[in-house]
């Protein structure tokens, strides 16, 4: 380098060498920076978990007609089998299962004696058929319901579980996993049932066996959800 800085009359003075070095350094700083990789964007929030047989049942907290909060996780952590019944007191099919032969009452009492928790869920939006606190408080007496009726007026829990009809039944095992989803029985609402899917599912779980029928097509009135932009 220094050889190239020699002038016709001998080596360049030391100050000239230093000045030349500073100039070269300044030119290097004037060069544009190396482009940086774009910063990673934050990940989108995970979509709400949806109910799938064999997987963990979506957790929820809802209030019953007495204003008491029921937290699903509290029940499964306590080792309880939980039965969920989607309910509408003004749906003729729901009514039939609570009046004619009192299927829901008898089965819920039979299973409660074995430590099983039965919960009804009403996902009807305000103003829709069978919805509202007063209507469901009255239904408890009208149908002699001995288990909580939970109000899901936003429809969030119903949609999370994919509840389509009243009734629509779900059985959750002690491990918190959804073990059965579908109809209460095989009658399709048109005759006498030969098989009660909920009784069989719970019986298998209590016996430590695998549930034979894990899913079936539910029947009844459509759940009276409110309008949504989702």
C-alpha atoms as a PDB file:
ATOM      1  CA  UNK A   1       0.000   0.000   0.000  1.00  0.00           C
ATOM      2  CA  UNK A   2       2.645   2.434   1.000  1.00  0.00           C
ATOM      3  CA  UNK A   3       4.488   1.799  -2.253  1.00  0.00           C
ATOM      4  CA  UNK A   4       1.546   3.203  -4.149  1.00  0.00           C
ATOM      5  CA  UNK A   5       1.667   6.351  -2.064  1.00  0.00           C
ATOM      6  CA  UNK A   6       5.199   7.268  -2.948  1.00  0.00           C
ATOM      7  CA  UNK A   7       5.403  10.565  -4.805  1.00  0.00           C
ATOM      8  CA  UNK A   8       7.951  11.651  -7.404  1.00  0.00           C
ATOM      9  CA  UNK A   9      10.014  13.299  -4.706  1.00  0.00           C
ATOM     10  CA  UNK A  10       9.921  10.438  -2.127  1.00  0.00           C
ATOM     11  CA  UNK A  11       7.491   8.990   0.375  1.00  0.00           C
ATOM     12  CA  UNK A  12       4.363  10.949   1.225  1.00  0.00           C
ATOM     13  CA  UNK A  13       4.408  12.567   4.645  1.00  0.00           C
ATOM     14  CA  UNK A  14       2.756  10.602   7.490  1.00  0.00           C
ATOM     15  CA  UNK A  15      -0.077  13.126   7.805  1.00  0.00           C
ATOM     16  CA  UNK A  16      -0.950  12.648   4.147  1.00  0.00           C
ATOM     17  CA  UNK A  17      -1.124   8.874   4.665  1.00  0.00           C
ATOM     18  CA  UNK A  18      -3.464   9.316   7.628  1.00  0.00           C
ATOM     19  CA  UNK A  19      -5.679  11.706   5.675  1.00  0.00           C
ATOM     20  CA  UNK A  20      -5.900   9.226   2.824  1.00  0.00           C
ATOM     21  CA  UNK A  21      -6.944   6.453   5.236  1.00  0.00           C
ATOM     22  CA  UNK A  22      -9.703   8.601   6.737  1.00  0.00           C
ATOM     23  CA  UNK A  23     -11.046   9.398   3.283  1.00  0.00           C
ATOM     24  CA  UNK A  24     -11.206   5.705   2.358  1.00  0.00           C
ATOM     25  CA  UNK A  25     -13.022   4.964   5.655  1.00  0.00           C
ATOM     26  CA  UNK A  26     -15.591   7.716   5.013  1.00  0.00           C
ATOM     27  CA  UNK A  27     -16.321   6.339   1.547  1.00  0.00           C
ATOM     28  CA  UNK A  28     -16.948   2.897   3.039  1.00  0.00           C
ATOM     29  CA  UNK A  29     -19.404   4.355   5.551  1.00  0.00           C
ATOM     30  CA  UNK A  30     -21.305   6.106   2.752  1.00  0.00           C
ATOM     31  CA  UNK A  31     -22.125   2.749   1.139  1.00  0.00           C
ATOM     32  CA  UNK A  32     -25.693   1.575   1.769  1.00  0.00           C
ATOM     33  CA  UNK A  33     -26.148  -0.992   4.526  1.00  0.00           C
ATOM     34  CA  UNK A  34     -26.650  -4.609   3.609  1.00  0.00           C
ATOM     35  CA  UNK A  35     -30.417  -5.193   3.385  1.00  0.00           C
ATOM     36  CA  UNK A  36     -31.772  -6.812   6.520  1.00  0.00           C
ATOM     37  CA  UNK A  37     -34.173  -9.702   6.501  1.00  0.00           C
ATOM     38  CA  UNK A  38     -37.718  -8.550   7.283  1.00  0.00           C
ATOM     39  CA  UNK A  39     -38.695  -8.987  10.898  1.00  0.00           C
ATOM     40  CA  UNK A  40     -40.871 -11.993  11.582  1.00  0.00           C
ATOM     41  CA  UNK A  41     -44.508 -11.053  12.077  1.00  0.00           C
ATOM     42  CA  UNK A  42     -46.152 -12.206  15.288  1.00  0.00           C
ATOM     43  CA  UNK A  43     -48.089 -15.430  14.879  1.00  0.00           C
ATOM     44  CA  UNK A  44     -51.845 -15.197  14.555  1.00  0.00           C
ATOM     45  CA  UNK A  45     -53.842 -16.227  17.596  1.00  0.00           C
ATOM     46  CA  UNK A  46     -54.697 -19.901  17.529  1.00  0.00           C
ATOM     47  CA  UNK A  47     -58.206 -20.727  16.348  1.00  0.00           C
ATOM     48  CA  UNK A  48     -60.613 -21.836  19.063  1.00  0.00           C
ATOM     49  CA  UNK A  49     -60.401 -25.500  19.799  1.00  0.00           C
ATOM     50  CA  UNK A  50     -63.332 -27.488  18.402  1.00  0.00           C
ATOM     51  CA  UNK A  51     -64.766 -30.654  19.864  1.00  0.00           C
ATOM     52  CA  UNK A  52     -63.484 -33.910  18.393  1.00  0.00           C
ATOM     53  CA  UNK A  53     -64.176 -37.371  19.725  1.00  0.00           C
ATOM     54  CA  UNK A  54     -61.011 -38.850  21.195  1.00  0.00           C
ATOM     55  CA  UNK A  55     -59.482 -35.462  21.955  1.00  0.00           C
ATOM     56  CA  UNK A  56     -59.693 -33.117  24.946  1.00  0.00           C
ATOM     57  CA  UNK A  57     -63.179 -31.660  25.297  1.00  0.00           C
ATOM     58  CA  UNK A  58     -63.156 -27.862  24.908  1.00  0.00           C
ATOM     59  CA  UNK A  59     -63.230 -26.208  28.300  1.00  0.00           C
ATOM     60  CA  UNK A  60     -65.892 -23.653  29.198  1.00  0.00           C
ATOM     61  CA  UNK A  61     -67.430 -21.732  32.059  1.00  0.00           C
ATOM     62  CA  UNK A  62     -71.162 -20.958  32.023  1.00  0.00           C
ATOM     63  CA  UNK A  63     -73.723 -19.809  34.572  1.00  0.00           C
ATOM     64  CA  UNK A  64     -76.778 -21.850  35.457  1.00  0.00           C
ATOM     65  CA  UNK A  65     -80.264 -20.475  36.065  1.00  0.00           C
ATOM     66  CA  UNK A  66     -79.348 -19.729  39.691  1.00  0.00           C
ATOM     67  CA  UNK A  67     -76.352 -17.642  38.636  1.00  0.00           C
ATOM     68  CA  UNK A  68     -73.786 -20.231  39.706  1.00  0.00           C
ATOM     69  CA  UNK A  69     -70.723 -20.625  37.491  1.00  0.00           C
ATOM     70  CA  UNK A  70     -69.969 -24.128  36.290  1.00  0.00           C
ATOM     71  CA  UNK A  71     -66.412 -24.736  35.041  1.00  0.00           C
ATOM     72  CA  UNK A  72     -65.991 -27.938  33.055  1.00  0.00           C
ATOM     73  CA  UNK A  73     -62.308 -28.289  33.973  1.00  0.00           C
ATOM     74  CA  UNK A  74     -63.190 -28.359  37.675  1.00  0.00           C
ATOM     75  CA  UNK A  75     -65.336 -31.429  37.079  1.00  0.00           C
ATOM     76  CA  UNK A  76     -62.866 -33.351  34.943  1.00  0.00           C
ATOM     77  CA  UNK A  77     -59.995 -32.523  37.312  1.00  0.00           C
ATOM     78  CA  UNK A  78     -62.121 -34.078  40.043  1.00  0.00           C
ATOM     79  CA  UNK A  79     -62.289 -37.255  37.948  1.00  0.00           C
ATOM     80  CA  UNK A  80     -65.944 -36.907  36.966  1.00  0.00           C
ATOM     81  CA  UNK A  81     -67.577 -38.290  33.849  1.00  0.00           C
ATOM     82  CA  UNK A  82     -69.687 -35.470  32.398  1.00  0.00           C
ATOM     83  CA  UNK A  83     -72.758 -35.709  30.172  1.00  0.00           C
ATOM     84  CA  UNK A  84     -73.777 -32.610  28.199  1.00  0.00           C
ATOM     85  CA  UNK A  85     -77.327 -32.282  26.860  1.00  0.00           C
ATOM     86  CA  UNK A  86     -78.167 -29.442  24.480  1.00  0.00           C
ATOM     87  CA  UNK A  87     -81.577 -28.283  25.613  1.00  0.00           C
ATOM     88  CA  UNK A  88     -84.539 -26.167  24.506  1.00  0.00           C
ATOM     89  CA  UNK A  89     -87.664 -26.296  26.721  1.00  0.00           C
ATOM     90  CA  UNK A  90     -89.916 -25.278  23.821  1.00  0.00           C
ATOM     91  CA  UNK A  91     -88.568 -27.779  21.300  1.00  0.00           C
ATOM     92  CA  UNK A  92     -91.113 -30.615  20.924  1.00  0.00           C
ATOM     93  CA  UNK A  93     -88.335 -33.217  20.739  1.00  0.00           C
ATOM     94  CA  UNK A  94     -86.641 -31.923  23.890  1.00  0.00           C
ATOM     95  CA  UNK A  95     -90.019 -31.808  25.594  1.00  0.00           C
ATOM     96  CA  UNK A  96     -90.769 -35.405  24.635  1.00  0.00           C
ATOM     97  CA  UNK A  97     -87.572 -36.650  26.254  1.00  0.00           C
ATOM     98  CA  UNK A  98     -88.427 -34.741  29.424  1.00  0.00           C
ATOM     99  CA  UNK A  99     -92.092 -35.720  29.633  1.00  0.00           C
ATOM    100  CA  UNK A 100     -92.979 -38.911  27.754  1.00  0.00           C
ATOM    101  CA  UNK A 101     -91.287 -41.747  29.666  1.00  0.00           C
ATOM    102  CA  UNK A 102     -89.083 -39.034  31.254  1.00  0.00           C
ATOM    103  CA  UNK A 103     -85.972 -40.447  29.553  1.00  0.00           C
ATOM    104  CA  UNK A 104     -83.664 -37.580  30.527  1.00  0.00           C
ATOM    105  CA  UNK A 105     -84.802 -37.466  34.144  1.00  0.00           C
ATOM    106  CA  UNK A 106     -84.555 -41.220  34.703  1.00  0.00           C
ATOM    107  CA  UNK A 107     -81.193 -41.610  32.987  1.00  0.00           C
ATOM    108  CA  UNK A 108     -79.651 -38.570  34.673  1.00  0.00           C
ATOM    109  CA  UNK A 109     -80.715 -39.884  38.087  1.00  0.00           C
ATOM    110  CA  UNK A 110     -79.440 -43.371  37.260  1.00  0.00           C
ATOM    111  CA  UNK A 111     -76.043 -41.997  36.265  1.00  0.00           C
ATOM    112  CA  UNK A 112     -75.863 -39.464  39.106  1.00  0.00           C
ATOM    113  CA  UNK A 113     -76.041 -42.389  41.531  1.00  0.00           C
ATOM    114  CA  UNK A 114     -72.804 -43.598  39.908  1.00  0.00           C
ATOM    115  CA  UNK A 115     -71.050 -40.251  40.327  1.00  0.00           C
ATOM    116  CA  UNK A 116     -71.700 -38.933  36.804  1.00  0.00           C
ATOM    117  CA  UNK A 117     -72.403 -35.202  36.342  1.00  0.00           C
ATOM    118  CA  UNK A 118     -75.194 -34.267  33.909  1.00  0.00           C
ATOM    119  CA  UNK A 119     -75.452 -30.713  32.562  1.00  0.00           C
ATOM    120  CA  UNK A 120     -77.972 -29.198  30.168  1.00  0.00           C
ATOM    121  CA  UNK A 121     -76.846 -26.343  27.910  1.00  0.00           C
ATOM    122  CA  UNK A 122     -79.201 -23.902  26.209  1.00  0.00           C
ATOM    123  CA  UNK A 123     -77.455 -22.020  23.378  1.00  0.00           C
ATOM    124  CA  UNK A 124     -80.571 -20.157  22.270  1.00  0.00           C
ATOM    125  CA  UNK A 125     -80.002 -16.459  21.627  1.00  0.00           C
ATOM    126  CA  UNK A 126     -82.127 -13.854  23.437  1.00  0.00           C
ATOM    127  CA  UNK A 127     -85.592 -13.614  21.897  1.00  0.00           C
ATOM    128  CA  UNK A 128     -85.408 -17.038  20.253  1.00  0.00           C
ATOM    129  CA  UNK A 129     -87.525 -20.068  21.047  1.00  0.00           C
ATOM    130  CA  UNK A 130     -86.889 -21.490  24.500  1.00  0.00           C
ATOM    131  CA  UNK A 131     -84.209 -18.952  25.402  1.00  0.00           C
ATOM    132  CA  UNK A 132     -83.901 -16.650  28.383  1.00  0.00           C
ATOM    133  CA  UNK A 133     -83.358 -16.970  32.109  1.00  0.00           C
ATOM    134  CA  UNK A 134     -87.015 -16.916  33.174  1.00  0.00           C
ATOM    135  CA  UNK A 135     -88.109 -19.514  30.607  1.00  0.00           C
ATOM    136  CA  UNK A 136     -85.398 -21.930  31.691  1.00  0.00           C
ATOM    137  CA  UNK A 137     -86.000 -21.350  35.393  1.00  0.00           C
ATOM    138  CA  UNK A 138     -89.611 -22.300  34.763  1.00  0.00           C
ATOM    139  CA  UNK A 139     -88.517 -25.351  32.756  1.00  0.00           C
ATOM    140  CA  UNK A 140     -86.663 -26.756  35.775  1.00  0.00           C
ATOM    141  CA  UNK A 141     -89.982 -27.002  37.626  1.00  0.00           C
ATOM    142  CA  UNK A 142     -92.070 -27.858  34.564  1.00  0.00           C
ATOM    143  CA  UNK A 143     -89.949 -30.902  33.682  1.00  0.00           C
ATOM    144  CA  UNK A 144     -88.707 -31.694  37.224  1.00  0.00           C
ATOM    145  CA  UNK A 145     -85.105 -31.297  36.078  1.00  0.00           C
ATOM    146  CA  UNK A 146     -82.701 -32.116  38.876  1.00  0.00           C
ATOM    147  CA  UNK A 147     -79.485 -30.975  37.188  1.00  0.00           C
ATOM    148  CA  UNK A 148     -78.214 -27.518  36.156  1.00  0.00           C
ATOM    149  CA  UNK A 149     -79.357 -25.799  32.963  1.00  0.00           C
ATOM    150  CA  UNK A 150     -76.507 -23.610  31.712  1.00  0.00           C
ATOM    151  CA  UNK A 151     -77.185 -20.524  29.605  1.00  0.00           C
ATOM    152  CA  UNK A 152     -75.015 -19.987  26.526  1.00  0.00           C
ATOM    153  CA  UNK A 153     -76.844 -17.066  24.927  1.00  0.00           C
ATOM    154  CA  UNK A 154     -73.828 -16.037  22.839  1.00  0.00           C
ATOM    155  CA  UNK A 155     -73.778 -19.517  21.336  1.00  0.00           C
ATOM    156  CA  UNK A 156     -70.011 -19.678  21.792  1.00  0.00           C
ATOM    157  CA  UNK A 157     -69.964 -22.998  23.622  1.00  0.00           C
ATOM    158  CA  UNK A 158     -72.584 -24.561  21.374  1.00  0.00           C
ATOM    159  CA  UNK A 159     -70.648 -23.669  18.249  1.00  0.00           C
ATOM    160  CA  UNK A 160     -67.420 -24.847  19.864  1.00  0.00           C
ATOM    161  CA  UNK A 161     -68.965 -28.263  20.380  1.00  0.00           C
ATOM    162  CA  UNK A 162     -70.764 -28.261  17.044  1.00  0.00           C
ATOM    163  CA  UNK A 163     -74.154 -28.739  18.721  1.00  0.00           C
ATOM    164  CA  UNK A 164     -76.799 -28.802  16.007  1.00  0.00           C
ATOM    165  CA  UNK A 165     -79.978 -30.086  17.605  1.00  0.00           C
ATOM    166  CA  UNK A 166     -81.944 -30.246  20.833  1.00  0.00           C
ATOM    167  CA  UNK A 167     -81.148 -32.691  22.165  1.00  0.00           C
ATOM    168  CA  UNK A 168     -77.516 -33.180  21.114  1.00  0.00           C
ATOM    169  CA  UNK A 169     -75.526 -35.287  23.557  1.00  0.00           C
ATOM    170  CA  UNK A 170     -71.854 -35.436  24.543  1.00  0.00           C
ATOM    171  CA  UNK A 171     -70.049 -37.717  26.991  1.00  0.00           C
ATOM    172  CA  UNK A 172     -66.730 -36.599  28.460  1.00  0.00           C
ATOM    173  CA  UNK A 173     -64.533 -39.122  30.251  1.00  0.00           C
ATOM    174  CA  UNK A 174     -62.667 -38.752  33.515  1.00  0.00           C
ATOM    175  CA  UNK A 175     -59.558 -37.922  31.500  1.00  0.00           C
ATOM    176  CA  UNK A 176     -61.294 -34.873  30.036  1.00  0.00           C
ATOM    177  CA  UNK A 177     -61.513 -36.379  26.546  1.00  0.00           C
ATOM    178  CA  UNK A 178     -64.684 -36.388  24.497  1.00  0.00           C
ATOM    179  CA  UNK A 179     -65.801 -40.018  24.256  1.00  0.00           C
ATOM    180  CA  UNK A 180     -69.203 -39.760  22.559  1.00  0.00           C
ATOM    181  CA  UNK A 181     -71.125 -37.202  20.477  1.00  0.00           C
ATOM    182  CA  UNK A 182     -74.521 -37.526  18.837  1.00  0.00           C
ATOM    183  CA  UNK A 183     -78.072 -38.638  19.549  1.00  0.00           C
ATOM    184  CA  UNK A 184     -79.453 -39.746  22.895  1.00  0.00           C
ATOM    185  CA  UNK A 185     -80.611 -43.032  21.342  1.00  0.00           C
ATOM    186  CA  UNK A 186     -81.320 -44.855  18.074  1.00  0.00           C
ATOM    187  CA  UNK A 187     -85.012 -43.944  17.795  1.00  0.00           C
ATOM    188  CA  UNK A 188     -84.466 -40.932  15.494  1.00  0.00           C
ATOM    189  CA  UNK A 189     -87.338 -39.444  17.472  1.00  0.00           C
ATOM    190  CA  UNK A 190     -89.862 -41.584  15.591  1.00  0.00           C
ATOM    191  CA  UNK A 191     -90.337 -44.630  17.747  1.00  0.00           C
ATOM    192  CA  UNK A 192     -89.170 -46.674  20.689  1.00  0.00           C
ATOM    193  CA  UNK A 193     -85.428 -46.799  21.162  1.00  0.00           C
ATOM    194  CA  UNK A 194     -83.532 -50.073  21.289  1.00  0.00           C
ATOM    195  CA  UNK A 195     -80.192 -48.567  22.268  1.00  0.00           C
ATOM    196  CA  UNK A 196     -79.452 -45.587  24.462  1.00  0.00           C
ATOM    197  CA  UNK A 197     -76.046 -44.395  23.268  1.00  0.00           C
ATOM    198  CA  UNK A 198     -75.384 -42.240  26.325  1.00  0.00           C
ATOM    199  CA  UNK A 199     -76.131 -45.024  28.807  1.00  0.00           C
ATOM    200  CA  UNK A 200     -73.922 -47.431  26.880  1.00  0.00           C
ATOM    201  CA  UNK A 201     -71.054 -44.932  26.550  1.00  0.00           C
ATOM    202  CA  UNK A 202     -71.058 -44.087  30.243  1.00  0.00           C
ATOM    203  CA  UNK A 203     -71.370 -47.753  31.188  1.00  0.00           C
ATOM    204  CA  UNK A 204     -68.309 -48.602  29.123  1.00  0.00           C
ATOM    205  CA  UNK A 205     -66.276 -45.801  30.694  1.00  0.00           C
ATOM    206  CA  UNK A 206     -67.259 -46.830  34.211  1.00  0.00           C
ATOM    207  CA  UNK A 207     -66.194 -50.384  33.397  1.00  0.00           C
ATOM    208  CA  UNK A 208     -62.869 -49.194  32.001  1.00  0.00           C
ATOM    209  CA  UNK A 209     -63.781 -50.294  28.491  1.00  0.00           C
ATOM    210  CA  UNK A 210     -63.630 -48.539  25.136  1.00  0.00           C
ATOM    211  CA  UNK A 211     -66.857 -46.892  23.956  1.00  0.00           C
ATOM    212  CA  UNK A 212     -68.301 -48.981  21.123  1.00  0.00           C
ATOM    213  CA  UNK A 213     -70.390 -46.304  19.396  1.00  0.00           C
ATOM    214  CA  UNK A 214     -68.458 -43.053  19.546  1.00  0.00           C
ATOM    215  CA  UNK A 215     -70.566 -40.926  17.208  1.00  0.00           C
ATOM    216  CA  UNK A 216     -74.075 -40.888  15.802  1.00  0.00           C
ATOM    217  CA  UNK A 217     -76.289 -38.417  13.990  1.00  0.00           C
ATOM    218  CA  UNK A 218     -78.242 -36.253  16.388  1.00  0.00           C
ATOM    219  CA  UNK A 219     -81.885 -35.379  15.780  1.00  0.00           C
ATOM    220  CA  UNK A 220     -84.370 -32.824  17.088  1.00  0.00           C
ATOM    221  CA  UNK A 221     -84.989 -29.107  16.658  1.00  0.00           C
ATOM    222  CA  UNK A 222     -82.164 -26.931  15.389  1.00  0.00           C
ATOM    223  CA  UNK A 223     -80.250 -25.048  18.065  1.00  0.00           C
ATOM    224  CA  UNK A 224     -81.600 -21.497  18.040  1.00  0.00           C
ATOM    225  CA  UNK A 225     -78.324 -19.630  17.664  1.00  0.00           C
ATOM    226  CA  UNK A 226     -78.205 -15.888  17.140  1.00  0.00           C
ATOM    227  CA  UNK A 227     -76.851 -14.289  13.976  1.00  0.00           C
ATOM    228  CA  UNK A 228     -73.091 -14.180  13.618  1.00  0.00           C
ATOM    229  CA  UNK A 229     -70.577 -12.707  11.198  1.00  0.00           C
ATOM    230  CA  UNK A 230     -68.251 -15.634  11.756  1.00  0.00           C
END
